[in-house]
Protein backbone atom coordinates (compact mmCIF):
# COMPACT_ATOMS: atom_id res chain seq x y z
CA MET A 1 46.40 20.36 26.72
CA ALA A 2 43.14 22.09 25.77
CA ASP A 3 43.00 25.10 23.46
CA PRO A 4 42.94 28.22 25.73
CA GLU A 5 40.48 30.07 23.45
CA LEU A 6 38.08 27.13 23.44
CA GLN A 7 38.38 26.88 27.22
CA ARG A 8 37.57 30.61 27.54
CA VAL A 9 34.50 30.26 25.29
CA ASN A 10 33.27 27.29 27.30
CA ASP A 11 33.89 29.07 30.62
CA ILE A 12 31.93 32.13 29.45
CA ALA A 13 29.09 29.90 28.21
CA LEU A 14 28.82 28.20 31.60
CA THR A 15 28.97 31.55 33.39
CA ALA A 16 26.24 32.93 31.09
CA VAL A 17 24.00 29.99 32.02
CA GLN A 18 24.45 30.91 35.67
CA ALA A 19 23.71 34.59 34.91
CA LEU A 20 20.42 33.60 33.23
CA LEU A 21 19.06 31.63 36.19
CA GLY A 22 15.58 32.91 37.00
CA LEU A 23 15.56 35.38 34.09
CA ILE A 24 14.18 33.29 31.22
CA SER A 25 10.53 34.16 30.64
CA SER A 26 8.04 32.16 28.62
CA ASP A 27 8.63 34.52 25.66
CA VAL A 28 12.27 33.42 25.31
CA VAL A 29 12.73 30.77 22.62
CA ALA A 30 16.52 30.36 22.77
CA VAL A 31 19.72 31.95 24.05
CA ALA A 32 23.27 31.68 22.74
CA VAL A 33 26.57 33.20 23.73
CA ALA A 34 29.71 33.82 21.66
CA ALA A 35 33.05 35.02 22.99
CA ARG A 36 35.80 36.66 20.96
CA GLU A 37 38.80 38.44 22.42
CA GLU A 38 37.38 41.20 24.64
CA ARG A 39 33.77 40.89 23.42
CA VAL A 40 30.84 38.64 24.35
CA LEU A 41 27.75 38.45 22.13
CA PHE A 42 24.58 37.45 24.04
CA SER A 43 21.90 36.39 21.51
CA PHE A 44 18.23 36.03 22.44
CA TRP A 45 15.46 34.66 20.22
CA VAL A 46 12.03 35.62 21.51
CA ARG A 47 8.38 35.09 20.61
CA ARG A 48 7.77 38.82 21.05
CA HIS A 49 10.10 41.63 22.07
CA THR A 50 8.77 43.25 25.26
CA ALA A 51 10.02 45.64 27.94
CA GLU A 52 10.23 42.64 30.30
CA ILE A 53 12.63 40.93 27.87
CA ASP A 54 14.82 44.06 27.79
CA GLU A 55 14.85 44.22 31.62
CA ASP A 56 15.76 40.54 31.89
CA ILE A 57 18.58 40.99 29.36
CA ALA A 58 19.94 43.99 31.28
CA ASP A 59 19.84 41.94 34.50
CA ALA A 60 21.58 38.99 32.82
CA ILE A 61 24.32 41.26 31.46
CA ALA A 62 24.85 42.84 34.90
CA ASP A 63 25.08 39.38 36.49
CA LEU A 64 27.47 38.15 33.80
CA GLU A 65 29.70 41.21 34.32
CA ALA A 66 29.72 40.53 38.07
CA PHE A 67 30.60 36.86 37.57
CA LEU A 68 33.40 37.71 35.11
CA HIS A 69 34.90 40.47 37.28
CA PRO A 70 37.67 41.64 37.05
CA GLU A 71 37.83 40.69 33.34
CA ILE A 72 34.55 42.42 32.29
CA PRO A 73 34.57 42.15 28.49
CA LEU A 74 32.23 44.23 26.32
CA ILE A 75 28.90 42.35 26.44
CA GLU A 76 26.63 43.05 23.48
CA PRO A 77 23.01 41.84 23.46
CA ARG A 78 21.23 40.82 20.26
CA VAL A 79 17.46 40.22 20.23
CA MET A 80 15.68 38.52 17.34
CA VAL A 81 12.01 37.64 17.06
CA GLY A 82 11.56 34.06 15.88
CA VAL A 83 13.59 30.88 16.13
CA PRO A 84 17.33 30.43 15.58
CA GLU A 85 18.63 29.27 12.23
CA ALA A 86 21.91 27.36 12.13
CA ALA A 87 23.11 29.41 9.15
CA ASN A 88 22.89 32.61 11.20
CA MET A 89 24.97 31.34 14.12
CA GLN A 90 28.25 33.18 14.75
CA PRO A 91 31.60 31.34 14.93
CA HIS A 92 32.22 29.99 18.44
CA GLU A 93 28.58 30.66 19.37
CA ARG A 94 27.21 28.25 21.98
CA MET A 95 23.49 27.57 22.31
CA ILE A 96 22.86 27.61 26.06
CA TYR A 97 19.05 27.51 26.21
CA TRP A 98 16.29 26.28 23.89
CA ALA A 99 12.66 26.21 25.05
CA LYS A 100 10.63 23.06 24.72
CA SER A 101 7.98 23.33 22.04
């Protein structure tokens, strides 16, 4: 039988991919999601941090909350300018998008 925590992390990662559909602009380099207990960390690496990025993140969080209803964990966004570094990845963090170079 699969580990329930691992299954939850994988389910949230797949749901986050669905929430991002149509919201990834050309300024987004990568997106990752991490799930722990009642908290989800949504990490975005961008070429430049713009108001459009903030709007897209707010829309993605709203969609993720709707998809996860009635659970609705605390969803925290994190935006970093640049590219992801493996050393900075959180435990149980899943990379769900990486732009082609």
